[in-house]
């Protein structure tokens, strides 16, 4: 999923998602729900931003995965807007990502 996300392959990302996925929309602070809504969000995001996401550590949790991710956000000119490490908490439903939460990585 992360390799596809980093190259803007929205259909490949969506193929990893549960039909009723709950996904963050960080710029508004809200969330989007469902594969079509996530696809629209990622497509729109790709018009202005280029994300590079590299998993650094993956840990199993009770209902999914905790993934420490090196995240670089660039504008369309390639200028770095953000270079940070984040924690993605993935809830798994029926073998697919049912929810993504983004937070601070553990110390």
C-alpha atoms as a PDB file:
ATOM      1  CA  UNK A   1       0.000   0.000   0.000  1.00  0.00           C
ATOM      2  CA  UNK A   2       2.766   2.466   0.914  1.00  0.00           C
ATOM      3  CA  UNK A   3       4.678   1.916  -2.339  1.00  0.00           C
ATOM      4  CA  UNK A   4       1.495   2.564  -4.326  1.00  0.00           C
ATOM      5  CA  UNK A   5       0.600   5.588  -2.194  1.00  0.00           C
ATOM      6  CA  UNK A   6       4.060   7.099  -2.736  1.00  0.00           C
ATOM      7  CA  UNK A   7       3.755   6.961  -6.529  1.00  0.00           C
ATOM      8  CA  UNK A   8       0.148   8.168  -6.630  1.00  0.00           C
ATOM      9  CA  UNK A   9      -1.322   4.817  -7.673  1.00  0.00           C
ATOM     10  CA  UNK A  10      -4.744   5.512  -6.182  1.00  0.00           C
ATOM     11  CA  UNK A  11      -6.442   2.346  -7.538  1.00  0.00           C
ATOM     12  CA  UNK A  12      -3.747   0.164  -5.932  1.00  0.00           C
ATOM     13  CA  UNK A  13      -4.153   1.961  -2.593  1.00  0.00           C
ATOM     14  CA  UNK A  14      -7.946   1.633  -2.742  1.00  0.00           C
ATOM     15  CA  UNK A  15      -7.607  -2.102  -3.457  1.00  0.00           C
ATOM     16  CA  UNK A  16      -6.089  -2.425   0.045  1.00  0.00           C
ATOM     17  CA  UNK A  17      -9.042  -0.680   1.698  1.00  0.00           C
ATOM     18  CA  UNK A  18     -12.265  -2.066   3.138  1.00  0.00           C
ATOM     19  CA  UNK A  19     -15.346  -0.815   1.217  1.00  0.00           C
ATOM     20  CA  UNK A  20     -16.440   1.153   4.319  1.00  0.00           C
ATOM     21  CA  UNK A  21     -12.948   2.470   5.180  1.00  0.00           C
ATOM     22  CA  UNK A  22     -12.670   5.442   7.568  1.00  0.00           C
ATOM     23  CA  UNK A  23      -9.760   7.681   6.475  1.00  0.00           C
ATOM     24  CA  UNK A  24      -8.330  10.951   7.845  1.00  0.00           C
ATOM     25  CA  UNK A  25      -8.453  14.190   5.894  1.00  0.00           C
ATOM     26  CA  UNK A  26      -5.628  16.026   7.671  1.00  0.00           C
ATOM     27  CA  UNK A  27      -5.928  19.400   5.991  1.00  0.00           C
ATOM     28  CA  UNK A  28      -9.512  19.938   7.173  1.00  0.00           C
ATOM     29  CA  UNK A  29      -9.191  17.891  10.347  1.00  0.00           C
ATOM     30  CA  UNK A  30     -12.095  15.746   9.218  1.00  0.00           C
ATOM     31  CA  UNK A  31     -12.474  12.243   7.867  1.00  0.00           C
ATOM     32  CA  UNK A  32     -13.752  10.613   4.697  1.00  0.00           C
ATOM     33  CA  UNK A  33     -15.571   7.296   4.533  1.00  0.00           C
ATOM     34  CA  UNK A  34     -15.682   4.646   1.836  1.00  0.00           C
ATOM     35  CA  UNK A  35     -13.383   3.628  -0.993  1.00  0.00           C
ATOM     36  CA  UNK A  36     -14.795   6.160  -3.466  1.00  0.00           C
ATOM     37  CA  UNK A  37     -14.385   9.042  -1.005  1.00  0.00           C
ATOM     38  CA  UNK A  38     -10.793   8.028  -0.217  1.00  0.00           C
ATOM     39  CA  UNK A  39     -10.012   7.708  -3.932  1.00  0.00           C
ATOM     40  CA  UNK A  40     -11.397  11.213  -4.548  1.00  0.00           C
ATOM     41  CA  UNK A  41      -9.437  12.575  -1.578  1.00  0.00           C
ATOM     42  CA  UNK A  42      -6.141  11.000  -2.683  1.00  0.00           C
ATOM     43  CA  UNK A  43      -6.671  12.093  -6.287  1.00  0.00           C
ATOM     44  CA  UNK A  44      -7.358  15.695  -5.231  1.00  0.00           C
ATOM     45  CA  UNK A  45      -4.412  15.638  -2.826  1.00  0.00           C
ATOM     46  CA  UNK A  46      -2.159  14.463  -5.662  1.00  0.00           C
ATOM     47  CA  UNK A  47      -2.941  17.598  -7.673  1.00  0.00           C
ATOM     48  CA  UNK A  48      -1.116  19.771  -5.125  1.00  0.00           C
ATOM     49  CA  UNK A  49       1.147  17.478  -3.117  1.00  0.00           C
ATOM     50  CA  UNK A  50       3.593  14.631  -3.615  1.00  0.00           C
ATOM     51  CA  UNK A  51       3.901  12.262  -0.668  1.00  0.00           C
ATOM     52  CA  UNK A  52       6.731   9.831  -0.118  1.00  0.00           C
ATOM     53  CA  UNK A  53       5.894   7.316   2.596  1.00  0.00           C
ATOM     54  CA  UNK A  54       8.458   4.801   3.807  1.00  0.00           C
ATOM     55  CA  UNK A  55       7.512   2.366   6.571  1.00  0.00           C
ATOM     56  CA  UNK A  56      10.267   2.203   9.182  1.00  0.00           C
ATOM     57  CA  UNK A  57       8.669  -0.244  11.606  1.00  0.00           C
ATOM     58  CA  UNK A  58       5.535  -2.374  11.526  1.00  0.00           C
ATOM     59  CA  UNK A  59       4.053  -3.801  14.730  1.00  0.00           C
ATOM     60  CA  UNK A  60       0.995  -5.989  15.128  1.00  0.00           C
ATOM     61  CA  UNK A  61      -1.678  -4.599  17.440  1.00  0.00           C
ATOM     62  CA  UNK A  62      -4.860  -6.155  18.784  1.00  0.00           C
ATOM     63  CA  UNK A  63      -6.917  -5.211  15.747  1.00  0.00           C
ATOM     64  CA  UNK A  64      -4.393  -4.293  13.106  1.00  0.00           C
ATOM     65  CA  UNK A  65      -1.010  -2.672  12.667  1.00  0.00           C
ATOM     66  CA  UNK A  66       0.992   0.237  14.025  1.00  0.00           C
ATOM     67  CA  UNK A  67       3.311   1.529  11.307  1.00  0.00           C
ATOM     68  CA  UNK A  68       6.020   4.100  11.979  1.00  0.00           C
ATOM     69  CA  UNK A  69       6.365   5.988   8.692  1.00  0.00           C
ATOM     70  CA  UNK A  70       8.942   8.453   7.364  1.00  0.00           C
ATOM     71  CA  UNK A  71       6.757  10.952   5.513  1.00  0.00           C
ATOM     72  CA  UNK A  72       8.033  13.589   3.102  1.00  0.00           C
ATOM     73  CA  UNK A  73       5.514  16.027   1.619  1.00  0.00           C
ATOM     74  CA  UNK A  74       6.499  18.071  -1.430  1.00  0.00           C
ATOM     75  CA  UNK A  75       4.642  20.610  -3.519  1.00  0.00           C
ATOM     76  CA  UNK A  76       4.302  20.131  -7.269  1.00  0.00           C
ATOM     77  CA  UNK A  77       7.612  21.963  -7.819  1.00  0.00           C
ATOM     78  CA  UNK A  78       9.378  19.408  -5.626  1.00  0.00           C
ATOM     79  CA  UNK A  79       9.974  21.769  -2.706  1.00  0.00           C
ATOM     80  CA  UNK A  80       9.851  19.986   0.660  1.00  0.00           C
ATOM     81  CA  UNK A  81       6.946  21.190   2.795  1.00  0.00           C
ATOM     82  CA  UNK A  82       7.342  18.601   5.544  1.00  0.00           C
ATOM     83  CA  UNK A  83       9.841  15.875   6.420  1.00  0.00           C
ATOM     84  CA  UNK A  84       8.770  14.003   9.522  1.00  0.00           C
ATOM     85  CA  UNK A  85       8.047  10.669  11.119  1.00  0.00           C
ATOM     86  CA  UNK A  86       4.438   9.763  11.910  1.00  0.00           C
ATOM     87  CA  UNK A  87       2.558   6.809  13.343  1.00  0.00           C
ATOM     88  CA  UNK A  88      -0.136   5.199  11.214  1.00  0.00           C
ATOM     89  CA  UNK A  89      -2.526   3.031  13.189  1.00  0.00           C
ATOM     90  CA  UNK A  90      -4.329   0.702  10.807  1.00  0.00           C
ATOM     91  CA  UNK A  91      -7.449  -1.153  11.891  1.00  0.00           C
ATOM     92  CA  UNK A  92      -7.925  -4.267   9.777  1.00  0.00           C
ATOM     93  CA  UNK A  93     -11.378  -5.536   8.740  1.00  0.00           C
ATOM     94  CA  UNK A  94     -11.788  -8.639   6.621  1.00  0.00           C
ATOM     95  CA  UNK A  95      -8.090  -8.516   5.708  1.00  0.00           C
ATOM     96  CA  UNK A  96      -8.310  -4.915   4.450  1.00  0.00           C
ATOM     97  CA  UNK A  97      -7.590  -1.524   6.002  1.00  0.00           C
ATOM     98  CA  UNK A  98     -10.816  -0.465   7.718  1.00  0.00           C
ATOM     99  CA  UNK A  99      -9.497   2.667   9.404  1.00  0.00           C
ATOM    100  CA  UNK A 100      -6.369   4.794   9.332  1.00  0.00           C
ATOM    101  CA  UNK A 101      -5.384   7.114  12.153  1.00  0.00           C
ATOM    102  CA  UNK A 102      -2.309   9.345  12.023  1.00  0.00           C
ATOM    103  CA  UNK A 103      -0.435  10.432  15.119  1.00  0.00           C
ATOM    104  CA  UNK A 104       2.913  10.985  16.727  1.00  0.00           C
ATOM    105  CA  UNK A 105       5.319   8.043  16.765  1.00  0.00           C
ATOM    106  CA  UNK A 106       6.330   6.572  20.108  1.00  0.00           C
ATOM    107  CA  UNK A 107       9.469   8.074  21.643  1.00  0.00           C
END
